[in-house]
Each structure stands twice: as structure tokens, then as C-alpha cells.
Protein backbone atom coordinates (compact mmCIF):
# COMPACT_ATOMS: atom_id res chain seq x y z
CA MET A 1 0.00 0.00 0.00
CA ARG A 2 1.52 3.26 -1.16
CA SER A 3 0.83 6.56 0.59
CA THR A 4 2.08 10.09 0.01
CA PHE A 5 1.33 13.04 2.27
CA GLU A 6 2.68 16.40 3.39
CA ALA A 7 2.57 18.44 6.58
CA GLY A 8 4.16 21.73 7.48
CA VAL A 9 4.83 24.53 9.90
CA VAL A 10 5.82 28.17 9.55
CA VAL A 11 8.82 29.17 11.67
CA ALA A 12 9.56 32.78 12.59
CA ALA A 13 13.25 32.40 11.73
CA PRO A 14 15.30 32.80 8.55
CA PRO A 15 15.66 29.79 6.22
CA THR A 16 19.41 29.40 6.80
CA ARG A 17 18.87 28.93 10.57
CA VAL A 18 15.95 26.56 10.02
CA ILE A 19 17.82 24.40 7.49
CA ASP A 20 20.78 24.28 9.88
CA ALA A 21 18.53 23.05 12.73
CA TYR A 22 17.18 20.24 10.52
CA TRP A 23 20.66 19.29 9.33
CA LYS A 24 22.40 19.25 12.72
CA LEU A 25 20.88 16.18 14.33
CA GLU A 26 22.83 16.08 17.58
CA ARG A 27 20.20 18.23 19.37
CA TRP A 28 17.16 16.31 18.15
CA PRO A 29 16.91 13.98 21.21
CA GLU A 30 16.75 17.01 23.53
CA VAL A 31 14.26 18.84 21.30
CA ALA A 32 11.90 16.12 19.97
CA PRO A 33 10.65 13.83 22.76
CA HIS A 34 10.04 10.81 20.51
CA VAL A 35 13.66 10.85 19.20
CA THR A 36 15.68 9.07 21.88
CA ALA A 37 19.02 8.81 20.05
CA VAL A 38 20.77 9.78 16.83
CA ASP A 39 23.99 8.01 15.85
CA LEU A 40 25.64 9.96 13.04
CA LEU A 41 27.72 7.50 11.00
CA TYR A 42 28.80 9.85 8.19
CA ASP A 43 28.53 13.57 7.47
CA ASP A 44 30.44 15.44 4.77
CA GLY A 45 28.28 18.58 4.92
CA ASP A 46 26.14 17.56 1.94
CA ALA A 47 25.32 13.92 2.78
CA GLN A 48 24.67 12.09 6.03
CA VAL A 49 24.16 8.50 7.11
CA LEU A 50 22.61 8.00 10.54
CA VAL A 51 20.76 5.59 12.77
CA MET A 52 17.84 7.11 14.66
CA THR A 53 16.06 5.58 17.65
CA VAL A 54 12.41 6.60 17.95
CA ASN A 55 9.85 5.94 20.69
CA THR A 56 6.33 5.76 19.29
CA ARG A 57 3.77 5.14 22.03
CA GLY A 58 6.26 3.05 23.98
CA ARG A 59 7.48 1.06 20.96
CA ILE A 60 11.19 1.55 20.24
CA ASP A 61 12.37 1.36 16.61
CA ARG A 62 15.86 1.95 15.19
CA PHE A 63 16.32 2.68 11.52
CA LYS A 64 19.00 3.92 9.19
CA SER A 65 18.52 7.06 7.11
CA VAL A 66 20.55 8.60 4.32
CA ARG A 67 20.11 12.35 3.89
CA VAL A 68 21.27 14.72 1.17
CA ARG A 69 21.15 18.51 1.38
CA GLU A 70 20.52 20.33 -1.91
CA GLY A 71 19.84 24.07 -1.68
CA ASN A 72 16.60 24.62 0.22
CA THR A 73 15.75 20.90 0.44
CA ILE A 74 16.92 17.98 2.57
CA ARG A 75 15.99 14.65 0.98
CA TYR A 76 16.04 11.39 2.92
CA LEU A 77 15.73 7.67 2.31
CA GLN A 78 15.41 4.92 4.89
CA PRO A 79 17.07 1.86 3.32
CA HIS A 80 15.84 -0.25 6.26
CA PRO A 81 12.69 1.51 7.50
CA PRO A 82 10.68 0.57 10.59
CA PRO A 83 8.98 -2.84 10.19
CA ILE A 84 5.56 -1.33 9.38
CA LEU A 85 7.03 -0.05 6.09
CA ARG A 86 8.63 -1.64 3.04
CA HIS A 87 9.89 1.74 1.85
CA HIS A 88 10.06 5.29 3.16
CA HIS A 89 11.59 8.36 1.55
CA GLY A 90 10.78 12.02 1.42
CA SER A 91 12.03 15.52 1.97
CA TRP A 92 11.93 18.72 3.95
CA THR A 93 11.63 21.86 1.85
CA PHE A 94 12.35 25.29 3.33
CA LEU A 95 10.68 28.30 1.71
CA GLU A 96 11.15 31.94 2.73
CA GLU A 97 7.75 33.48 3.42
CA ASN A 98 7.28 37.06 4.70
CA GLY A 99 10.46 37.01 6.81
CA ALA A 100 9.72 33.52 8.14
CA THR A 101 10.31 29.99 6.83
CA ARG A 102 7.63 27.55 5.70
CA VAL A 103 8.86 23.99 6.28
CA VAL A 104 7.08 21.30 4.27
CA SER A 105 7.67 17.67 5.15
CA ARG A 106 6.84 15.19 2.38
CA HIS A 107 6.59 11.44 3.01
CA VAL A 108 6.31 8.62 0.48
CA LEU A 109 5.50 5.30 2.15
CA ASP A 110 5.01 1.73 1.06
CA ILE A 111 3.23 0.09 3.99
CA GLU A 112 3.92 -3.55 4.94
CA PRO A 113 0.33 -4.60 5.81
CA GLU A 114 1.02 -7.69 7.95
CA ASN A 115 3.67 -6.01 10.11
CA ALA A 116 1.64 -2.79 10.28
CA ALA A 117 -1.45 -4.69 11.48
CA ARG A 118 0.60 -6.48 14.16
CA VAL A 119 2.23 -3.25 15.37
CA LEU A 120 -1.06 -1.33 15.38
CA ARG A 121 -2.64 -4.08 17.51
CA GLU A 122 0.36 -3.88 19.90
CA LEU A 123 -0.18 -0.11 20.16
CA ASP A 124 -3.97 -0.49 20.60
CA VAL A 125 -4.60 1.58 17.47
CA PRO A 126 -7.97 0.63 15.94
CA PHE A 127 -8.34 -0.25 12.26
CA GLU A 128 -10.90 -2.28 10.31
CA ASP A 129 -9.53 -2.79 6.82
CA GLU A 130 -6.57 -1.88 4.59
CA PRO A 131 -7.66 1.76 4.02
CA SER A 132 -8.07 2.37 7.76
CA LEU A 133 -4.78 0.53 8.46
CA ALA A 134 -3.02 2.79 5.93
CA ALA A 135 -4.65 5.88 7.47
CA ALA A 136 -3.52 4.83 10.98
CA VAL A 137 0.09 4.27 9.85
CA GLU A 138 0.07 7.59 8.00
CA GLN A 139 -1.27 9.36 11.11
CA ILE A 140 1.49 7.90 13.32
CA ILE A 141 4.20 9.03 10.90
CA ARG A 142 2.54 12.43 10.42
CA ASN A 143 2.38 12.88 14.23
CA ASN A 144 6.06 12.02 14.66
CA SER A 145 7.00 14.36 11.83
CA LEU A 146 4.90 17.21 13.24
CA GLN A 147 6.34 16.62 16.74
CA THR A 148 9.83 17.13 15.34
CA MET A 149 8.87 20.14 13.23
CA ARG A 150 6.97 21.85 16.07
CA ALA A 151 9.76 21.16 18.57
CA LEU A 152 12.43 22.55 16.23
CA ALA A 153 10.21 25.57 15.48
CA ARG A 154 9.72 26.27 19.20
CA ARG A 155 13.47 26.01 19.82
CA LEU A 156 14.30 28.31 16.90
CA GLU A 157 11.61 30.84 17.82
CA GLU A 158 12.77 30.88 21.46
CA GLU A 159 16.27 31.64 20.19
CA VAL A 160 14.97 34.58 18.13
CA GLY A 161 12.30 35.64 20.68
CA HIS A 162 9.02 34.63 19.02
CA ASP A 163 5.98 32.61 20.14
CA GLU A 164 4.45 29.28 19.12
CA PRO A 165 5.05 27.81 15.65
CA HIS A 166 2.19 28.06 13.22
CA LEU A 167 0.75 24.84 11.79
CA ALA A 168 0.59 24.99 8.02
CA ALA A 169 -0.85 22.83 5.23
CA ALA A 170 -1.35 19.15 5.76
CA ALA A 171 -2.53 15.96 4.10
CA HIS A 172 -2.61 14.76 0.54
């Protein structure tokens, strides 16, 4: 089952600072509560290979990601995604907007239905059929993505003296 969706926030900080916060992963565990560890295996300034540990509703998953920075976009691929997915790639795009930065997170998923059903049952997430299973998986990933984006926005806006991040466009 393939799924593509986007979510975003507007951050009251300049794009260069926002891109930098998304690229420098060492602070993510202190900023985003579901990210418990980031092990950076390679970083040459334009490409990174890392292993991230994520806590989703008490379930711990570790997965490898490869990230490439190109201008105002960071693209990523998880060669070995969490077990609920066969494939996961996407991007963060950073657009200057009225002195702020709109961050758009795009996800492309290929859901592994048997593993996803097992994990959703473990997490007590209700679903009835494949469409509702896909929607539940998408919602979990969207929530984790938004947690990270909102946490980074709060941190950046605190540093520049602004209030809460603004939730932007969402699902496709």
C-alpha cells in the first residue's frame, strides 16, 4: 500500500537557521521527545548516514537514514525503514515566506500490511480494513514528523524571541 502526504509549519526564523537546525541532528533527542538517540555514521556537509532511535507510544524502533542537502531541500531515504514499512523516503523543503520559513515535510511510504497490522494491535490503534490501516500508519508518521517540526520551530523561535510555531498545510 503506497501513501504520500505532506505536513508543514511556519517558523519565525530565517531559512538558513531553520535548514541548519534540521541538518544538525545532535540536538534532536533534547528537542523532539520521541527521538531518543541519533547516531551519526557519516557527514560530509552535503550527505549524512545516521541511525535514529524513535519511541512511538512506547514502541522503540531503530532505523538507518541517508540524507542529502541540496539548496533549500533535505531529501532522505530509509534503506531499512521501521517494520511497518517496506519503503520510506521524502524531503523537507524550506521556503522563505514574509520574513519567516515555511517547512514542508513530504513522506512517500510503502506500507507492509502484515507487520503494520501487528504493530497497530500492539499499540492499541484501531483499524478495520486496509484503508483504515493505511490511514492509521500515516497518522502515526505524520504525528512524529509534526512533533519534530513543532519542537524545532519552538526552539528556533525561542532563540529569536518569538511565540508558538504556526501549523501549516497538511494531508494529501
